[in-house]
């Protein structure tokens, strides 16, 4: 995800959260004898988690791996 800004990640997190919340309230519907699943809740939850992690990463100001407690040799 090179080039994603914090503002963009926050916008995507808000959109994913809204989609997830909407899906929870309207998981499926039936018309007559036919039913249909509106959204895959697990996939939406994964998107919320992914964008939440990206926002947290960008908020820390890091894009790479953090190493703690290393002993120089």
C-alpha atoms as a PDB file:
ATOM      1  CA  UNK A   1       0.000   0.000   0.000  1.00  0.00           C
ATOM      2  CA  UNK A   2       2.665   2.458  -0.913  1.00  0.00           C
ATOM      3  CA  UNK A   3       1.545   6.036  -1.134  1.00  0.00           C
ATOM      4  CA  UNK A   4      -1.515   5.778   1.133  1.00  0.00           C
ATOM      5  CA  UNK A   5      -1.805   8.827   3.364  1.00  0.00           C
ATOM      6  CA  UNK A   6      -3.229   8.901   6.863  1.00  0.00           C
ATOM      7  CA  UNK A   7      -6.220  10.922   5.628  1.00  0.00           C
ATOM      8  CA  UNK A   8      -6.933   8.365   2.900  1.00  0.00           C
ATOM      9  CA  UNK A   9      -6.642   5.477   5.353  1.00  0.00           C
ATOM     10  CA  UNK A  10      -9.005   7.232   7.790  1.00  0.00           C
ATOM     11  CA  UNK A  11     -11.521   7.775   4.969  1.00  0.00           C
ATOM     12  CA  UNK A  12     -11.327   4.101   4.000  1.00  0.00           C
ATOM     13  CA  UNK A  13     -11.698   3.027   7.638  1.00  0.00           C
ATOM     14  CA  UNK A  14     -14.818   5.171   7.990  1.00  0.00           C
ATOM     15  CA  UNK A  15     -16.299   3.720   4.786  1.00  0.00           C
ATOM     16  CA  UNK A  16     -15.495   0.139   5.810  1.00  0.00           C
ATOM     17  CA  UNK A  17     -16.982   0.701   9.267  1.00  0.00           C
ATOM     18  CA  UNK A  18     -20.156   2.171   7.778  1.00  0.00           C
ATOM     19  CA  UNK A  19     -20.505  -0.765   5.354  1.00  0.00           C
ATOM     20  CA  UNK A  20     -19.965  -3.237   8.190  1.00  0.00           C
ATOM     21  CA  UNK A  21     -22.538  -1.536  10.415  1.00  0.00           C
ATOM     22  CA  UNK A  22     -25.077  -1.410   7.589  1.00  0.00           C
ATOM     23  CA  UNK A  23     -24.481  -5.080   6.796  1.00  0.00           C
ATOM     24  CA  UNK A  24     -25.037  -6.056  10.424  1.00  0.00           C
ATOM     25  CA  UNK A  25     -28.448  -4.396  10.327  1.00  0.00           C
ATOM     26  CA  UNK A  26     -29.423  -5.787   6.917  1.00  0.00           C
ATOM     27  CA  UNK A  27     -27.646  -9.123   6.640  1.00  0.00           C
ATOM     28  CA  UNK A  28     -30.168 -10.727   4.295  1.00  0.00           C
ATOM     29  CA  UNK A  29     -33.593 -10.261   2.838  1.00  0.00           C
ATOM     30  CA  UNK A  30     -36.363 -12.375   1.339  1.00  0.00           C
ATOM     31  CA  UNK A  31     -38.868 -11.524  -1.367  1.00  0.00           C
ATOM     32  CA  UNK A  32     -41.519 -14.194  -1.739  1.00  0.00           C
ATOM     33  CA  UNK A  33     -39.710 -17.518  -1.697  1.00  0.00           C
ATOM     34  CA  UNK A  34     -36.371 -16.078  -2.850  1.00  0.00           C
ATOM     35  CA  UNK A  35     -33.719 -14.940  -0.423  1.00  0.00           C
ATOM     36  CA  UNK A  36     -30.408 -13.215  -0.919  1.00  0.00           C
ATOM     37  CA  UNK A  37     -27.383 -12.487   1.215  1.00  0.00           C
ATOM     38  CA  UNK A  38     -26.517  -8.781   1.106  1.00  0.00           C
ATOM     39  CA  UNK A  39     -22.932  -8.816   2.345  1.00  0.00           C
ATOM     40  CA  UNK A  40     -20.312 -11.166   3.606  1.00  0.00           C
ATOM     41  CA  UNK A  41     -19.924  -9.946   7.202  1.00  0.00           C
ATOM     42  CA  UNK A  42     -16.554 -11.653   7.704  1.00  0.00           C
ATOM     43  CA  UNK A  43     -15.013  -9.951   4.667  1.00  0.00           C
ATOM     44  CA  UNK A  44     -16.294  -6.549   5.777  1.00  0.00           C
ATOM     45  CA  UNK A  45     -14.926  -7.105   9.295  1.00  0.00           C
ATOM     46  CA  UNK A  46     -11.543  -8.002   7.783  1.00  0.00           C
ATOM     47  CA  UNK A  47     -11.581  -4.728   5.817  1.00  0.00           C
ATOM     48  CA  UNK A  48     -12.345  -2.755   8.983  1.00  0.00           C
ATOM     49  CA  UNK A  49      -9.465  -4.496  10.765  1.00  0.00           C
ATOM     50  CA  UNK A  50      -7.084  -3.914   7.832  1.00  0.00           C
ATOM     51  CA  UNK A  51      -7.815  -0.180   7.600  1.00  0.00           C
ATOM     52  CA  UNK A  52      -7.732   0.200  11.381  1.00  0.00           C
ATOM     53  CA  UNK A  53      -4.235  -1.315  11.421  1.00  0.00           C
ATOM     54  CA  UNK A  54      -3.147   0.972   8.566  1.00  0.00           C
ATOM     55  CA  UNK A  55      -4.453   4.077  10.370  1.00  0.00           C
ATOM     56  CA  UNK A  56      -2.611   3.052  13.534  1.00  0.00           C
ATOM     57  CA  UNK A  57       0.587   2.410  11.552  1.00  0.00           C
ATOM     58  CA  UNK A  58       0.441   5.775   9.803  1.00  0.00           C
ATOM     59  CA  UNK A  59      -0.456   7.553  13.045  1.00  0.00           C
ATOM     60  CA  UNK A  60       2.760   6.237  14.596  1.00  0.00           C
ATOM     61  CA  UNK A  61       4.693   7.626  11.648  1.00  0.00           C
ATOM     62  CA  UNK A  62       6.286   4.312  10.771  1.00  0.00           C
ATOM     63  CA  UNK A  63       5.957   2.193   7.691  1.00  0.00           C
ATOM     64  CA  UNK A  64       8.547  -0.450   8.462  1.00  0.00           C
ATOM     65  CA  UNK A  65       9.303  -3.040  11.079  1.00  0.00           C
ATOM     66  CA  UNK A  66      10.011  -1.996  14.653  1.00  0.00           C
ATOM     67  CA  UNK A  67      12.763  -3.713  16.597  1.00  0.00           C
ATOM     68  CA  UNK A  68      12.840  -3.411  20.357  1.00  0.00           C
ATOM     69  CA  UNK A  69      15.302  -4.787  22.820  1.00  0.00           C
ATOM     70  CA  UNK A  70      18.012  -5.556  20.272  1.00  0.00           C
ATOM     71  CA  UNK A  71      21.575  -5.811  21.533  1.00  0.00           C
ATOM     72  CA  UNK A  72      24.229  -4.335  19.251  1.00  0.00           C
ATOM     73  CA  UNK A  73      27.094  -6.674  18.447  1.00  0.00           C
END
